[in-house]
Amino acid sequence: MAHTETHAAASAPIQQVSESRLNNITILTAALAAAVRQWRRAAARQRGLADLTPDQLRDIGQPEINRPMLEVKAGLITNLMSMR
């Protein structure tokens, strides 16, 4: 009987540590899941905005995305053709 009482008293702190670790793991898992959900939403939003034209972006109130643009000045083709 004495051995059982001693064993029960010795195992109590170990159980408390395990519960606190379990709580920490649960909190970390929930935080990780929330971060993954947020990342997936942001990625989906960026993919959706990338397909829109500048007019559509203005319609929904989003600033235009900086996209590379090719500016052709008037007379450039004429100059290039004359150099040929």
C-alpha atoms as a PDB file:
ATOM      1  CA  MET A   1       0.000   0.000   0.000  1.00  0.00           C
ATOM      2  CA  ALA A   2       2.780   2.414   0.871  1.00  0.00           C
ATOM      3  CA  HIS A   3       4.354   1.815  -2.519  1.00  0.00           C
ATOM      4  CA  THR A   4       1.118   2.736  -4.324  1.00  0.00           C
ATOM      5  CA  GLU A   5       0.742   5.967  -2.362  1.00  0.00           C
ATOM      6  CA  THR A   6       4.343   6.946  -3.038  1.00  0.00           C
ATOM      7  CA  HIS A   7       3.956   6.133  -6.705  1.00  0.00           C
ATOM      8  CA  ALA A   8       0.784   8.207  -7.023  1.00  0.00           C
ATOM      9  CA  ALA A   9       2.440  11.169  -5.314  1.00  0.00           C
ATOM     10  CA  ALA A  10       5.477  10.917  -7.581  1.00  0.00           C
ATOM     11  CA  SER A  11       3.472  10.735 -10.795  1.00  0.00           C
ATOM     12  CA  ALA A  12       1.336  13.823 -10.136  1.00  0.00           C
ATOM     13  CA  PRO A  13       3.924  16.430 -11.229  1.00  0.00           C
ATOM     14  CA  ILE A  14       4.693  14.416 -14.368  1.00  0.00           C
ATOM     15  CA  GLN A  15       1.008  14.444 -15.273  1.00  0.00           C
ATOM     16  CA  GLN A  16       0.826  18.210 -14.780  1.00  0.00           C
ATOM     17  CA  VAL A  17       3.857  18.750 -16.997  1.00  0.00           C
ATOM     18  CA  SER A  18       2.322  16.547 -19.665  1.00  0.00           C
ATOM     19  CA  GLU A  19      -0.920  18.521 -19.533  1.00  0.00           C
ATOM     20  CA  SER A  20       0.892  21.838 -19.858  1.00  0.00           C
ATOM     21  CA  ARG A  21       2.915  20.508 -22.772  1.00  0.00           C
ATOM     22  CA  LEU A  22      -0.258  19.236 -24.353  1.00  0.00           C
ATOM     23  CA  ASN A  23      -1.810  22.689 -23.950  1.00  0.00           C
ATOM     24  CA  ASN A  24       1.266  24.305 -25.515  1.00  0.00           C
ATOM     25  CA  ILE A  25       1.179  21.873 -28.423  1.00  0.00           C
ATOM     26  CA  THR A  26      -2.520  22.537 -28.907  1.00  0.00           C
ATOM     27  CA  ILE A  27      -1.950  26.299 -28.916  1.00  0.00           C
ATOM     28  CA  LEU A  28       0.966  26.002 -31.335  1.00  0.00           C
ATOM     29  CA  THR A  29      -1.042  23.733 -33.630  1.00  0.00           C
ATOM     30  CA  ALA A  30      -3.948  26.164 -33.658  1.00  0.00           C
ATOM     31  CA  ALA A  31      -1.609  29.085 -34.391  1.00  0.00           C
ATOM     32  CA  LEU A  32       0.036  27.152 -37.215  1.00  0.00           C
ATOM     33  CA  ALA A  33      -3.322  26.227 -38.719  1.00  0.00           C
ATOM     34  CA  ALA A  34      -4.448  29.867 -38.559  1.00  0.00           C
ATOM     35  CA  ALA A  35      -1.228  31.032 -40.233  1.00  0.00           C
ATOM     36  CA  VAL A  36      -1.640  28.495 -43.034  1.00  0.00           C
ATOM     37  CA  ARG A  37      -5.261  29.561 -43.592  1.00  0.00           C
ATOM     38  CA  GLN A  38      -4.230  33.215 -43.714  1.00  0.00           C
ATOM     39  CA  TRP A  39      -1.413  32.454 -46.185  1.00  0.00           C
ATOM     40  CA  ARG A  40      -3.770  30.477 -48.451  1.00  0.00           C
ATOM     41  CA  ARG A  41      -6.321  33.302 -48.442  1.00  0.00           C
ATOM     42  CA  ALA A  42      -3.641  35.874 -49.302  1.00  0.00           C
ATOM     43  CA  ALA A  43      -2.318  33.697 -52.127  1.00  0.00           C
ATOM     44  CA  ALA A  44      -5.821  33.185 -53.535  1.00  0.00           C
ATOM     45  CA  ARG A  45      -6.493  36.928 -53.315  1.00  0.00           C
ATOM     46  CA  GLN A  46      -3.275  37.727 -55.191  1.00  0.00           C
ATOM     47  CA  ARG A  47      -4.078  35.174 -57.915  1.00  0.00           C
ATOM     48  CA  GLY A  48      -7.536  36.668 -58.296  1.00  0.00           C
ATOM     49  CA  LEU A  49      -6.250  40.231 -58.526  1.00  0.00           C
ATOM     50  CA  ALA A  50      -3.531  39.280 -61.025  1.00  0.00           C
ATOM     51  CA  ASP A  51      -6.172  38.267 -63.573  1.00  0.00           C
ATOM     52  CA  LEU A  52      -8.074  41.566 -63.418  1.00  0.00           C
ATOM     53  CA  THR A  53      -7.606  44.423 -65.846  1.00  0.00           C
ATOM     54  CA  PRO A  54      -6.741  47.925 -64.584  1.00  0.00           C
ATOM     55  CA  ASP A  55     -10.347  49.012 -65.218  1.00  0.00           C
ATOM     56  CA  GLN A  56     -11.692  46.150 -63.130  1.00  0.00           C
ATOM     57  CA  LEU A  57      -9.222  46.936 -60.350  1.00  0.00           C
ATOM     58  CA  ARG A  58     -10.438  50.542 -60.278  1.00  0.00           C
ATOM     59  CA  ASP A  59     -14.051  49.342 -60.192  1.00  0.00           C
ATOM     60  CA  ILE A  60     -13.439  47.357 -57.001  1.00  0.00           C
ATOM     61  CA  GLY A  61     -11.353  50.118 -55.428  1.00  0.00           C
ATOM     62  CA  GLN A  62      -7.959  48.419 -55.598  1.00  0.00           C
ATOM     63  CA  PRO A  63      -4.838  50.320 -56.602  1.00  0.00           C
ATOM     64  CA  GLU A  64      -3.295  49.160 -59.845  1.00  0.00           C
ATOM     65  CA  ILE A  65      -0.680  46.460 -59.566  1.00  0.00           C
ATOM     66  CA  ASN A  66       2.746  47.524 -60.749  1.00  0.00           C
ATOM     67  CA  ARG A  67       3.112  45.540 -63.930  1.00  0.00           C
ATOM     68  CA  PRO A  68       5.891  45.929 -66.463  1.00  0.00           C
ATOM     69  CA  MET A  69       4.713  48.103 -69.306  1.00  0.00           C
ATOM     70  CA  LEU A  70       6.180  48.719 -72.707  1.00  0.00           C
ATOM     71  CA  GLU A  71       5.976  52.330 -73.757  1.00  0.00           C
ATOM     72  CA  VAL A  72       6.250  52.969 -77.458  1.00  0.00           C
ATOM     73  CA  LYS A  73       6.767  56.595 -78.360  1.00  0.00           C
ATOM     74  CA  ALA A  74       5.243  58.045 -81.496  1.00  0.00           C
ATOM     75  CA  GLY A  75       7.564  57.639 -84.468  1.00  0.00           C
ATOM     76  CA  LEU A  76       9.638  54.858 -82.913  1.00  0.00           C
ATOM     77  CA  ILE A  77       8.609  52.274 -85.480  1.00  0.00           C
ATOM     78  CA  THR A  78       9.345  54.734 -88.289  1.00  0.00           C
ATOM     79  CA  ASN A  79      12.825  55.339 -86.877  1.00  0.00           C
ATOM     80  CA  LEU A  80      13.488  51.641 -86.513  1.00  0.00           C
ATOM     81  CA  MET A  81      12.297  50.884 -90.026  1.00  0.00           C
ATOM     82  CA  SER A  82      14.465  53.659 -91.479  1.00  0.00           C
ATOM     83  CA  MET A  83      17.528  52.235 -89.692  1.00  0.00           C
ATOM     84  CA  ARG A  84      16.912  48.884 -91.357  1.00  0.00           C
END
